[in-house]
PDB file of N, CA and C in Angstrom:
ATOM      1  N   UNK A   1     231.730 136.174-136.038  1.00  0.00           N
ATOM      2  CA  UNK A   1     231.373 134.557-135.901  1.00  0.00           C
ATOM      3  C   UNK A   1     230.145 134.286-136.285  1.00  0.00           C
ATOM      4  N   UNK A   2     229.977 133.263-137.222  1.00  0.00           N
ATOM      5  CA  UNK A   2     228.589 132.948-137.775  1.00  0.00           C
ATOM      6  C   UNK A   2     227.807 131.770-136.669  1.00  0.00           C
ATOM      7  N   UNK A   3     226.469 131.488-136.709  1.00  0.00           N
ATOM      8  CA  UNK A   3     225.952 130.775-135.915  1.00  0.00           C
ATOM      9  C   UNK A   3     226.779 129.204-135.967  1.00  0.00           C
ATOM     10  N   UNK A   4     227.227 128.507-136.930  1.00  0.00           N
ATOM     11  CA  UNK A   4     227.767 127.421-137.067  1.00  0.00           C
ATOM     12  C   UNK A   4     229.016 127.381-136.584  1.00  0.00           C
ATOM     13  N   UNK A   5     229.636 128.242-136.428  1.00  0.00           N
ATOM     14  CA  UNK A   5     231.024 128.381-135.682  1.00  0.00           C
ATOM     15  C   UNK A   5     230.928 128.330-134.311  1.00  0.00           C
ATOM     16  N   UNK A   6     230.126 129.598-133.496  1.00  0.00           N
ATOM     17  CA  UNK A   6     229.318 129.399-132.531  1.00  0.00           C
ATOM     18  C   UNK A   6     228.901 127.938-132.250  1.00  0.00           C
ATOM     19  N   UNK A   7     228.180 127.197-132.484  1.00  0.00           N
ATOM     20  CA  UNK A   7     227.679 126.125-132.034  1.00  0.00           C
ATOM     21  C   UNK A   7     229.117 125.214-132.296  1.00  0.00           C
ATOM     22  N   UNK A   8     229.937 125.085-132.903  1.00  0.00           N
ATOM     23  CA  UNK A   8     230.977 124.036-132.476  1.00  0.00           C
ATOM     24  C   UNK A   8     231.715 124.811-131.303  1.00  0.00           C
ATOM     25  N   UNK A   9     231.936 125.490-131.354  1.00  0.00           N
ATOM     26  CA  UNK A   9     232.390 126.108-130.103  1.00  0.00           C
ATOM     27  C   UNK A   9     231.619 126.099-128.608  1.00  0.00           C
ATOM     28  N   UNK A  10     230.411 125.907-128.821  1.00  0.00           N
ATOM     29  CA  UNK A  10     229.788 125.488-127.481  1.00  0.00           C
ATOM     30  C   UNK A  10     229.892 123.882-127.628  1.00  0.00           C
ATOM     31  N   UNK A  11     229.892 123.293-128.621  1.00  0.00           N
ATOM     32  CA  UNK A  11     229.540 122.034-128.351  1.00  0.00           C
ATOM     33  C   UNK A  11     230.991 121.504-127.627  1.00  0.00           C
ATOM     34  N   UNK A  12     232.335 122.398-127.948  1.00  0.00           N
ATOM     35  CA  UNK A  12     233.683 121.932-127.517  1.00  0.00           C
ATOM     36  C   UNK A  12     233.725 121.890-126.268  1.00  0.00           C
ATOM     37  N   UNK A  13     232.921 123.136-125.440  1.00  0.00           N
ATOM     38  CA  UNK A  13     232.806 123.602-123.985  1.00  0.00           C
ATOM     39  C   UNK A  13     232.113 122.646-123.695  1.00  0.00           C
ATOM     40  N   UNK A  14     231.175 122.039-123.984  1.00  0.00           N
ATOM     41  CA  UNK A  14     229.866 121.246-123.571  1.00  0.00           C
ATOM     42  C   UNK A  14     230.712 119.854-123.255  1.00  0.00           C
ATOM     43  N   UNK A  15     231.331 119.545-124.493  1.00  0.00           N
ATOM     44  CA  UNK A  15     232.066 118.141-124.466  1.00  0.00           C
ATOM     45  C   UNK A  15     232.726 118.029-123.275  1.00  0.00           C
ATOM     46  N   UNK A  16     233.763 119.347-122.817  1.00  0.00           N
ATOM     47  CA  UNK A  16     234.628 119.293-121.691  1.00  0.00           C
ATOM     48  C   UNK A  16     234.222 119.408-120.507  1.00  0.00           C
ATOM     49  N   UNK A  17     232.831 120.084-120.389  1.00  0.00           N
ATOM     50  CA  UNK A  17     232.333 119.462-119.340  1.00  0.00           C
ATOM     51  C   UNK A  17     231.417 118.389-118.976  1.00  0.00           C
ATOM     52  N   UNK A  18     231.310 117.756-120.001  1.00  0.00           N
ATOM     53  CA  UNK A  18     230.066 116.418-119.575  1.00  0.00           C
ATOM     54  C   UNK A  18     231.788 115.631-119.513  1.00  0.00           C
ATOM     55  N   UNK A  19     232.988 115.679-119.805  1.00  0.00           N
ATOM     56  CA  UNK A  19     233.844 114.792-119.684  1.00  0.00           C
ATOM     57  C   UNK A  19     234.279 114.755-118.150  1.00  0.00           C
ATOM     58  N   UNK A  20     234.451 116.089-117.968  1.00  0.00           N
ATOM     59  CA  UNK A  20     234.609 116.099-116.409  1.00  0.00           C
ATOM     60  C   UNK A  20     233.955 115.988-115.319  1.00  0.00           C
ATOM     61  N   UNK A  21     232.262 116.060-115.699  1.00  0.00           N
ATOM     62  CA  UNK A  21     231.460 115.747-114.482  1.00  0.00           C
ATOM     63  C   UNK A  21     230.380 114.728-114.698  1.00  0.00           C
ATOM     64  N   UNK A  22     230.619 114.087-116.186  1.00  0.00           N
ATOM     65  CA  UNK A  22     229.457 113.343-116.689  1.00  0.00           C
ATOM     66  C   UNK A  22     228.103 113.247-116.369  1.00  0.00           C
ATOM     67  N   UNK A  23     227.449 112.140-116.363  1.00  0.00           N
ATOM     68  CA  UNK A  23     225.845 112.424-116.449  1.00  0.00           C
ATOM     69  C   UNK A  23     225.549 112.834-114.875  1.00  0.00           C
ATOM     70  N   UNK A  24     223.905 113.407-114.524  1.00  0.00           N
ATOM     71  CA  UNK A  24     223.355 112.803-113.633  1.00  0.00           C
ATOM     72  C   UNK A  24     223.324 114.094-112.086  1.00  0.00           C
ATOM     73  N   UNK A  25     223.895 115.368-113.035  1.00  0.00           N
ATOM     74  CA  UNK A  25     223.646 116.101-111.896  1.00  0.00           C
ATOM     75  C   UNK A  25     222.737 117.228-112.302  1.00  0.00           C
ATOM     76  N   UNK A  26     222.691 118.074-111.302  1.00  0.00           N
ATOM     77  CA  UNK A  26     221.412 119.265-111.260  1.00  0.00           C
ATOM     78  C   UNK A  26     221.780 119.981-112.685  1.00  0.00           C
ATOM     79  N   UNK A  27     220.891 120.449-113.043  1.00  0.00           N
ATOM     80  CA  UNK A  27     220.930 121.496-114.361  1.00  0.00           C
ATOM     81  C   UNK A  27     221.732 122.641-113.947  1.00  0.00           C
ATOM     82  N   UNK A  28     221.844 123.151-112.497  1.00  0.00           N
ATOM     83  CA  UNK A  28     222.334 124.756-112.363  1.00  0.00           C
ATOM     84  C   UNK A  28     223.615 124.245-112.244  1.00  0.00           C
ATOM     85  N   UNK A  29     224.128 122.960-111.849  1.00  0.00           N
ATOM     86  CA  UNK A  29     225.797 122.435-111.878  1.00  0.00           C
ATOM     87  C   UNK A  29     225.928 122.533-113.211  1.00  0.00           C
ATOM     88  N   UNK A  30     225.750 121.835-114.430  1.00  0.00           N
ATOM     89  CA  UNK A  30     225.800 122.028-115.770  1.00  0.00           C
ATOM     90  C   UNK A  30     226.089 123.518-116.716  1.00  0.00           C
ATOM     91  N   UNK A  31     225.028 124.088-116.262  1.00  0.00           N
ATOM     92  CA  UNK A  31     224.731 125.596-116.683  1.00  0.00           C
ATOM     93  C   UNK A  31     226.320 126.383-115.939  1.00  0.00           C
ATOM     94  N   UNK A  32     226.520 126.188-114.934  1.00  0.00           N
ATOM     95  CA  UNK A  32     227.470 126.995-114.282  1.00  0.00           C
ATOM     96  C   UNK A  32     229.064 126.911-114.959  1.00  0.00           C
ATOM     97  N   UNK A  33     229.397 125.107-114.736  1.00  0.00           N
ATOM     98  CA  UNK A  33     230.669 124.660-115.113  1.00  0.00           C
ATOM     99  C   UNK A  33     230.536 125.091-117.016  1.00  0.00           C
ATOM    100  N   UNK A  34     229.530 124.927-117.893  1.00  0.00           N
ATOM    101  CA  UNK A  34     229.817 125.436-119.403  1.00  0.00           C
ATOM    102  C   UNK A  34     229.527 126.985-119.216  1.00  0.00           C
ATOM    103  N   UNK A  35     229.386 127.694-118.720  1.00  0.00           N
ATOM    104  CA  UNK A  35     229.418 129.439-118.263  1.00  0.00           C
ATOM    105  C   UNK A  35     230.735 129.554-117.936  1.00  0.00           C
ATOM    106  N   UNK A  36     231.315 128.895-117.160  1.00  0.00           N
ATOM    107  CA  UNK A  36     232.923 129.010-116.774  1.00  0.00           C
ATOM    108  C   UNK A  36     233.917 128.678-117.767  1.00  0.00           C
ATOM    109  N   UNK A  37     233.243 127.269-118.549  1.00  0.00           N
ATOM    110  CA  UNK A  37     234.176 126.980-119.664  1.00  0.00           C
ATOM    111  C   UNK A  37     234.059 127.805-120.946  1.00  0.00           C
ATOM    112  N   UNK A  38     232.949 128.317-121.338  1.00  0.00           N
ATOM    113  CA  UNK A  38     232.641 129.376-122.467  1.00  0.00           C
ATOM    114  C   UNK A  38     233.698 130.762-121.907  1.00  0.00           C
ATOM    115  N   UNK A  39     233.750 131.040-120.180  1.00  0.00           N
ATOM    116  CA  UNK A  39     234.440 132.260-120.167  1.00  0.00           C
ATOM    117  C   UNK A  39     235.943 132.029-120.143  1.00  0.00           C
ATOM    118  N   UNK A  40     236.431 130.810-120.249  1.00  0.00           N
ATOM    119  CA  UNK A  40     238.196 130.140-120.356  1.00  0.00           C
ATOM    120  C   UNK A  40     237.876 130.197-121.846  1.00  0.00           C
ATOM    121  N   UNK A  41     237.226 130.197-122.685  1.00  0.00           N
ATOM    122  CA  UNK A  41     237.604 130.107-124.332  1.00  0.00           C
ATOM    123  C   UNK A  41     237.285 131.596-124.785  1.00  0.00           C
ATOM    124  N   UNK A  42     236.756 132.415-123.795  1.00  0.00           N
ATOM    125  CA  UNK A  42     236.844 133.674-124.660  1.00  0.00           C
ATOM    126  C   UNK A  42     235.576 134.163-125.159  1.00  0.00           C
ATOM    127  N   UNK A  43     234.641 133.466-124.724  1.00  0.00           N
ATOM    128  CA  UNK A  43     233.414 132.987-125.522  1.00  0.00           C
ATOM    129  C   UNK A  43     232.439 134.237-124.998  1.00  0.00           C
ATOM    130  N   UNK A  44     231.756 135.056-125.817  1.00  0.00           N
ATOM    131  CA  UNK A  44     230.597 135.680-124.812  1.00  0.00           C
ATOM    132  C   UNK A  44     229.507 135.305-124.666  1.00  0.00           C
ATOM    133  N   UNK A  45     228.714 135.471-123.319  1.00  0.00           N
ATOM    134  CA  UNK A  45     227.520 135.031-123.336  1.00  0.00           C
ATOM    135  C   UNK A  45     226.984 135.921-122.334  1.00  0.00           C
ATOM    136  N   UNK A  46     225.441 135.422-122.055  1.00  0.00           N
ATOM    137  CA  UNK A  46     224.702 136.148-121.472  1.00  0.00           C
ATOM    138  C   UNK A  46     223.829 135.153-121.153  1.00  0.00           C
ATOM    139  N   UNK A  47     223.667 135.503-119.122  1.00  0.00           N
ATOM    140  CA  UNK A  47     222.673 133.824-118.748  1.00  0.00           C
ATOM    141  C   UNK A  47     221.698 134.415-118.055  1.00  0.00           C
ATOM    142  N   UNK A  48     220.957 133.515-118.384  1.00  0.00           N
ATOM    143  CA  UNK A  48     219.592 133.611-118.063  1.00  0.00           C
ATOM    144  C   UNK A  48     218.667 134.965-118.106  1.00  0.00           C
ATOM    145  N   UNK A  49     218.904 135.060-119.450  1.00  0.00           N
ATOM    146  CA  UNK A  49     218.585 136.077-120.387  1.00  0.00           C
ATOM    147  C   UNK A  49     216.860 136.587-120.336  1.00  0.00           C
ATOM    148  N   UNK A  50     216.222 137.699-119.635  1.00  0.00           N
ATOM    149  CA  UNK A  50     214.761 137.542-119.564  1.00  0.00           C
ATOM    150  C   UNK A  50     214.298 138.230-120.796  1.00  0.00           C
ATOM    151  N   UNK A  51     213.408 138.009-121.778  1.00  0.00           N
ATOM    152  CA  UNK A  51     212.820 137.727-122.728  1.00  0.00           C
ATOM    153  C   UNK A  51     211.337 138.372-122.475  1.00  0.00           C
ATOM    154  N   UNK A  52     210.857 139.602-122.523  1.00  0.00           N
ATOM    155  CA  UNK A  52     209.608 139.952-122.619  1.00  0.00           C
ATOM    156  C   UNK A  52     208.766 139.239-123.402  1.00  0.00           C
ATOM    157  N   UNK A  53     206.923 138.726-123.004  1.00  0.00           N
ATOM    158  CA  UNK A  53     206.324 138.013-123.724  1.00  0.00           C
ATOM    159  C   UNK A  53     205.367 139.279-124.186  1.00  0.00           C
ATOM    160  N   UNK A  54     204.915 139.790-125.245  1.00  0.00           N
ATOM    161  CA  UNK A  54     204.015 140.442-125.443  1.00  0.00           C
ATOM    162  C   UNK A  54     202.468 139.986-125.701  1.00  0.00           C
ATOM    163  N   UNK A  55     201.611 140.467-125.201  1.00  0.00           N
ATOM    164  CA  UNK A  55     200.337 139.566-125.616  1.00  0.00           C
ATOM    165  C   UNK A  55     199.280 140.719-125.862  1.00  0.00           C
ATOM    166  N   UNK A  56     198.518 140.628-127.163  1.00  0.00           N
ATOM    167  CA  UNK A  56     197.834 141.733-127.701  1.00  0.00           C
ATOM    168  C   UNK A  56     198.365 143.156-127.345  1.00  0.00           C
ATOM    169  N   UNK A  57     197.681 144.281-126.255  1.00  0.00           N
ATOM    170  CA  UNK A  57     198.535 145.367-125.978  1.00  0.00           C
ATOM    171  C   UNK A  57     199.301 145.745-124.759  1.00  0.00           C
ATOM    172  N   UNK A  58     199.467 144.382-124.408  1.00  0.00           N
ATOM    173  CA  UNK A  58     200.503 144.354-123.038  1.00  0.00           C
ATOM    174  C   UNK A  58     201.617 143.581-122.900  1.00  0.00           C
ATOM    175  N   UNK A  59     202.732 143.751-121.820  1.00  0.00           N
ATOM    176  CA  UNK A  59     203.364 142.971-121.941  1.00  0.00           C
ATOM    177  C   UNK A  59     203.289 141.583-120.723  1.00  0.00           C
ATOM    178  N   UNK A  60     203.398 140.931-121.168  1.00  0.00           N
ATOM    179  CA  UNK A  60     203.051 139.808-119.808  1.00  0.00           C
ATOM    180  C   UNK A  60     203.776 140.340-118.622  1.00  0.00           C
ATOM    181  N   UNK A  61     203.753 139.748-117.436  1.00  0.00           N
ATOM    182  CA  UNK A  61     204.333 140.069-116.196  1.00  0.00           C
ATOM    183  C   UNK A  61     205.029 139.172-115.691  1.00  0.00           C
ATOM    184  N   UNK A  62     205.061 137.447-116.815  1.00  0.00           N
ATOM    185  CA  UNK A  62     205.931 136.786-116.471  1.00  0.00           C
ATOM    186  C   UNK A  62     207.178 137.160-117.574  1.00  0.00           C
ATOM    187  N   UNK A  63     208.541 136.820-117.543  1.00  0.00           N
ATOM    188  CA  UNK A  63     209.302 136.810-118.901  1.00  0.00           C
ATOM    189  C   UNK A  63     209.309 135.327-119.109  1.00  0.00           C
ATOM    190  N   UNK A  64     210.029 135.604-120.464  1.00  0.00           N
ATOM    191  CA  UNK A  64     210.374 133.945-120.915  1.00  0.00           C
ATOM    192  C   UNK A  64     212.279 134.123-120.551  1.00  0.00           C
ATOM    193  N   UNK A  65     212.746 133.215-119.888  1.00  0.00           N
ATOM    194  CA  UNK A  65     214.163 133.222-119.578  1.00  0.00           C
ATOM    195  C   UNK A  65     215.052 132.256-120.254  1.00  0.00           C
ATOM    196  N   UNK A  66     216.137 132.925-121.129  1.00  0.00           N
ATOM    197  CA  UNK A  66     217.177 131.884-122.083  1.00  0.00           C
ATOM    198  C   UNK A  66     217.801 131.418-121.056  1.00  0.00           C
ATOM    199  N   UNK A  67     218.315 130.164-120.922  1.00  0.00           N
ATOM    200  CA  UNK A  67     219.376 129.632-120.022  1.00  0.00           C
ATOM    201  C   UNK A  67     220.610 130.407-120.703  1.00  0.00           C
ATOM    202  N   UNK A  68     221.079 130.085-121.786  1.00  0.00           N
ATOM    203  CA  UNK A  68     222.264 130.924-122.309  1.00  0.00           C
ATOM    204  C   UNK A  68     221.892 131.938-123.719  1.00  0.00           C
ATOM    205  N   UNK A  69     222.625 132.952-123.688  1.00  0.00           N
ATOM    206  CA  UNK A  69     222.341 133.580-125.405  1.00  0.00           C
ATOM    207  C   UNK A  69     224.112 133.708-125.696  1.00  0.00           C
ATOM    208  N   UNK A  70     224.400 132.824-126.800  1.00  0.00           N
ATOM    209  CA  UNK A  70     225.819 133.150-126.895  1.00  0.00           C
ATOM    210  C   UNK A  70     226.091 133.863-128.021  1.00  0.00           C
ATOM    211  N   UNK A  71     227.080 134.950-127.847  1.00  0.00           N
ATOM    212  CA  UNK A  71     227.746 136.022-128.989  1.00  0.00           C
ATOM    213  C   UNK A  71     226.274 136.565-129.399  1.00  0.00           C
ATOM    214  N   UNK A  72     225.385 136.705-128.649  1.00  0.00           N
ATOM    215  CA  UNK A  72     224.106 137.337-129.354  1.00  0.00           C
ATOM    216  C   UNK A  72     223.587 136.882-130.329  1.00  0.00           C
ATOM    217  N   UNK A  73     223.739 135.572-130.874  1.00  0.00           N
ATOM    218  CA  UNK A  73     223.448 134.903-132.104  1.00  0.00           C
ATOM    219  C   UNK A  73     222.923 133.678-131.618  1.00  0.00           C
ATOM    220  N   UNK A  74     223.193 132.496-130.524  1.00  0.00           N
ATOM    221  CA  UNK A  74     222.833 131.596-130.627  1.00  0.00           C
ATOM    222  C   UNK A  74     222.041 131.132-129.183  1.00  0.00           C
ATOM    223  N   UNK A  75     220.852 130.731-128.796  1.00  0.00           N
ATOM    224  CA  UNK A  75     220.375 130.889-127.607  1.00  0.00           C
ATOM    225  C   UNK A  75     220.697 129.111-127.458  1.00  0.00           C
ATOM    226  N   UNK A  76     221.025 128.778-125.902  1.00  0.00           N
ATOM    227  CA  UNK A  76     221.487 127.503-125.636  1.00  0.00           C
ATOM    228  C   UNK A  76     220.174 127.283-124.481  1.00  0.00           C
ATOM    229  N   UNK A  77     219.244 126.105-125.011  1.00  0.00           N
ATOM    230  CA  UNK A  77     218.049 126.019-124.485  1.00  0.00           C
ATOM    231  C   UNK A  77     218.601 124.633-123.042  1.00  0.00           C
ATOM    232  N   UNK A  78     217.610 124.735-122.056  1.00  0.00           N
ATOM    233  CA  UNK A  78     218.123 124.134-120.559  1.00  0.00           C
ATOM    234  C   UNK A  78     219.046 123.170-121.168  1.00  0.00           C
ATOM    235  N   UNK A  79     220.225 123.565-120.213  1.00  0.00           N
ATOM    236  CA  UNK A  79     221.565 122.968-120.246  1.00  0.00           C
ATOM    237  C   UNK A  79     221.505 121.533-119.277  1.00  0.00           C
ATOM    238  N   UNK A  80     220.292 121.158-118.603  1.00  0.00           N
ATOM    239  CA  UNK A  80     220.407 119.819-117.835  1.00  0.00           C
ATOM    240  C   UNK A  80     220.855 118.715-118.471  1.00  0.00           C
ATOM    241  N   UNK A  81     220.766 118.781-119.566  1.00  0.00           N
ATOM    242  CA  UNK A  81     221.616 117.557-120.115  1.00  0.00           C
ATOM    243  C   UNK A  81     222.013 117.657-121.577  1.00  0.00           C
ATOM    244  N   UNK A  82     223.298 117.835-121.225  1.00  0.00           N
ATOM    245  CA  UNK A  82     224.728 118.288-121.866  1.00  0.00           C
ATOM    246  C   UNK A  82     224.356 117.079-122.933  1.00  0.00           C
ATOM    247  N   UNK A  83     223.980 115.741-123.344  1.00  0.00           N
ATOM    248  CA  UNK A  83     224.138 115.149-124.639  1.00  0.00           C
ATOM    249  C   UNK A  83     222.827 115.823-125.648  1.00  0.00           C
ATOM    250  N   UNK A  84     222.183 116.193-124.990  1.00  0.00           N
ATOM    251  CA  UNK A  84     220.656 116.539-125.548  1.00  0.00           C
ATOM    252  C   UNK A  84     221.225 117.977-126.343  1.00  0.00           C
ATOM    253  N   UNK A  85     222.108 118.824-125.875  1.00  0.00           N
ATOM    254  CA  UNK A  85     222.543 119.824-126.288  1.00  0.00           C
ATOM    255  C   UNK A  85     223.464 119.587-127.277  1.00  0.00           C
ATOM    256  N   UNK A  86     224.443 118.621-127.480  1.00  0.00           N
ATOM    257  CA  UNK A  86     225.213 118.246-128.596  1.00  0.00           C
ATOM    258  C   UNK A  86     224.037 118.059-129.964  1.00  0.00           C
ATOM    259  N   UNK A  87     222.970 117.438-129.472  1.00  0.00           N
ATOM    260  CA  UNK A  87     221.697 117.030-130.549  1.00  0.00           C
ATOM    261  C   UNK A  87     221.549 118.116-131.423  1.00  0.00           C
ATOM    262  N   UNK A  88     220.986 119.544-130.095  1.00  0.00           N
ATOM    263  CA  UNK A  88     220.355 120.344-130.261  1.00  0.00           C
ATOM    264  C   UNK A  88     221.144 121.473-131.748  1.00  0.00           C
ATOM    265  N   UNK A  89     222.647 121.323-131.296  1.00  0.00           N
ATOM    266  CA  UNK A  89     223.192 122.400-131.624  1.00  0.00           C
ATOM    267  C   UNK A  89     223.965 121.674-133.087  1.00  0.00           C
ATOM    268  N   UNK A  90     224.571 120.238-132.847  1.00  0.00           N
ATOM    269  CA  UNK A  90     224.783 119.888-133.854  1.00  0.00           C
ATOM    270  C   UNK A  90     224.039 119.622-135.077  1.00  0.00           C
ATOM    271  N   UNK A  91     222.684 119.726-134.979  1.00  0.00           N
ATOM    272  CA  UNK A  91     221.702 119.270-135.965  1.00  0.00           C
ATOM    273  C   UNK A  91     221.082 121.055-136.334  1.00  0.00           C
ATOM    274  N   UNK A  92     221.335 122.013-135.675  1.00  0.00           N
ATOM    275  CA  UNK A  92     221.174 123.015-136.132  1.00  0.00           C
ATOM    276  C   UNK A  92     219.692 123.636-136.375  1.00  0.00           C
ATOM    277  N   UNK A  93     218.782 123.633-135.136  1.00  0.00           N
ATOM    278  CA  UNK A  93     217.540 123.625-135.030  1.00  0.00           C
ATOM    279  C   UNK A  93     217.275 124.951-135.263  1.00  0.00           C
ATOM    280  N   UNK A  94     216.970 125.395-136.234  1.00  0.00           N
ATOM    281  CA  UNK A  94     216.525 127.178-136.494  1.00  0.00           C
ATOM    282  C   UNK A  94     216.118 127.707-135.394  1.00  0.00           C
ATOM    283  N   UNK A  95     215.036 127.078-135.055  1.00  0.00           N
ATOM    284  CA  UNK A  95     213.843 127.747-134.086  1.00  0.00           C
ATOM    285  C   UNK A  95     214.515 127.707-132.692  1.00  0.00           C
ATOM    286  N   UNK A  96     215.819 127.482-131.968  1.00  0.00           N
ATOM    287  CA  UNK A  96     216.418 127.318-131.274  1.00  0.00           C
ATOM    288  C   UNK A  96     217.439 128.326-131.463  1.00  0.00           C
ATOM    289  N   UNK A  97     217.632 129.371-132.596  1.00  0.00           N
ATOM    290  CA  UNK A  97     218.985 130.060-132.598  1.00  0.00           C
ATOM    291  C   UNK A  97     218.647 131.405-133.196  1.00  0.00           C
ATOM    292  N   UNK A  98     219.070 132.374-132.540  1.00  0.00           N
ATOM    293  CA  UNK A  98     218.650 133.693-133.111  1.00  0.00           C
ATOM    294  C   UNK A  98     219.466 134.128-134.308  1.00  0.00           C
ATOM    295  N   UNK A  99     218.502 134.566-135.690  1.00  0.00           N
ATOM    296  CA  UNK A  99     219.427 134.288-136.585  1.00  0.00           C
ATOM    297  C   UNK A  99     219.787 136.345-136.783  1.00  0.00           C
ATOM    298  N   UNK A 100     220.591 136.669-137.528  1.00  0.00           N
ATOM    299  CA  UNK A 100     221.182 138.074-137.244  1.00  0.00           C
ATOM    300  C   UNK A 100     221.859 137.949-138.880  1.00  0.00           C
ATOM    301  N   UNK A 101     221.264 139.036-139.244  1.00  0.00           N
ATOM    302  CA  UNK A 101     221.897 139.503-141.011  1.00  0.00           C
ATOM    303  C   UNK A 101     222.960 140.072-140.804  1.00  0.00           C
ATOM    304  N   UNK A 102     223.580 140.349-139.827  1.00  0.00           N
ATOM    305  CA  UNK A 102     225.002 141.364-140.091  1.00  0.00           C
ATOM    306  C   UNK A 102     226.046 140.221-140.107  1.00  0.00           C
TER     307      UNK A 102
END
């Protein structure tokens, strides 16, 4: 599955979450609901995935945390604003995706 197809599926799931929950809730609520919706749709994801940060010759003690990594290809940044998620995925900002040549 290519990144654009994954993004469309994420947007569909996010629209469903937004339709049911509406605006104004905590990020953790939207993230939990989106993860449930992705699961219901059979979409693989990793939640709060740590990413080590190298600095010079060491690994920093604090990892970066990705909110969601979907199908090992698309990073979903901060789920706290579902409408922002539509914009990010719809415009396809490459800086917020993991590109895989497979």
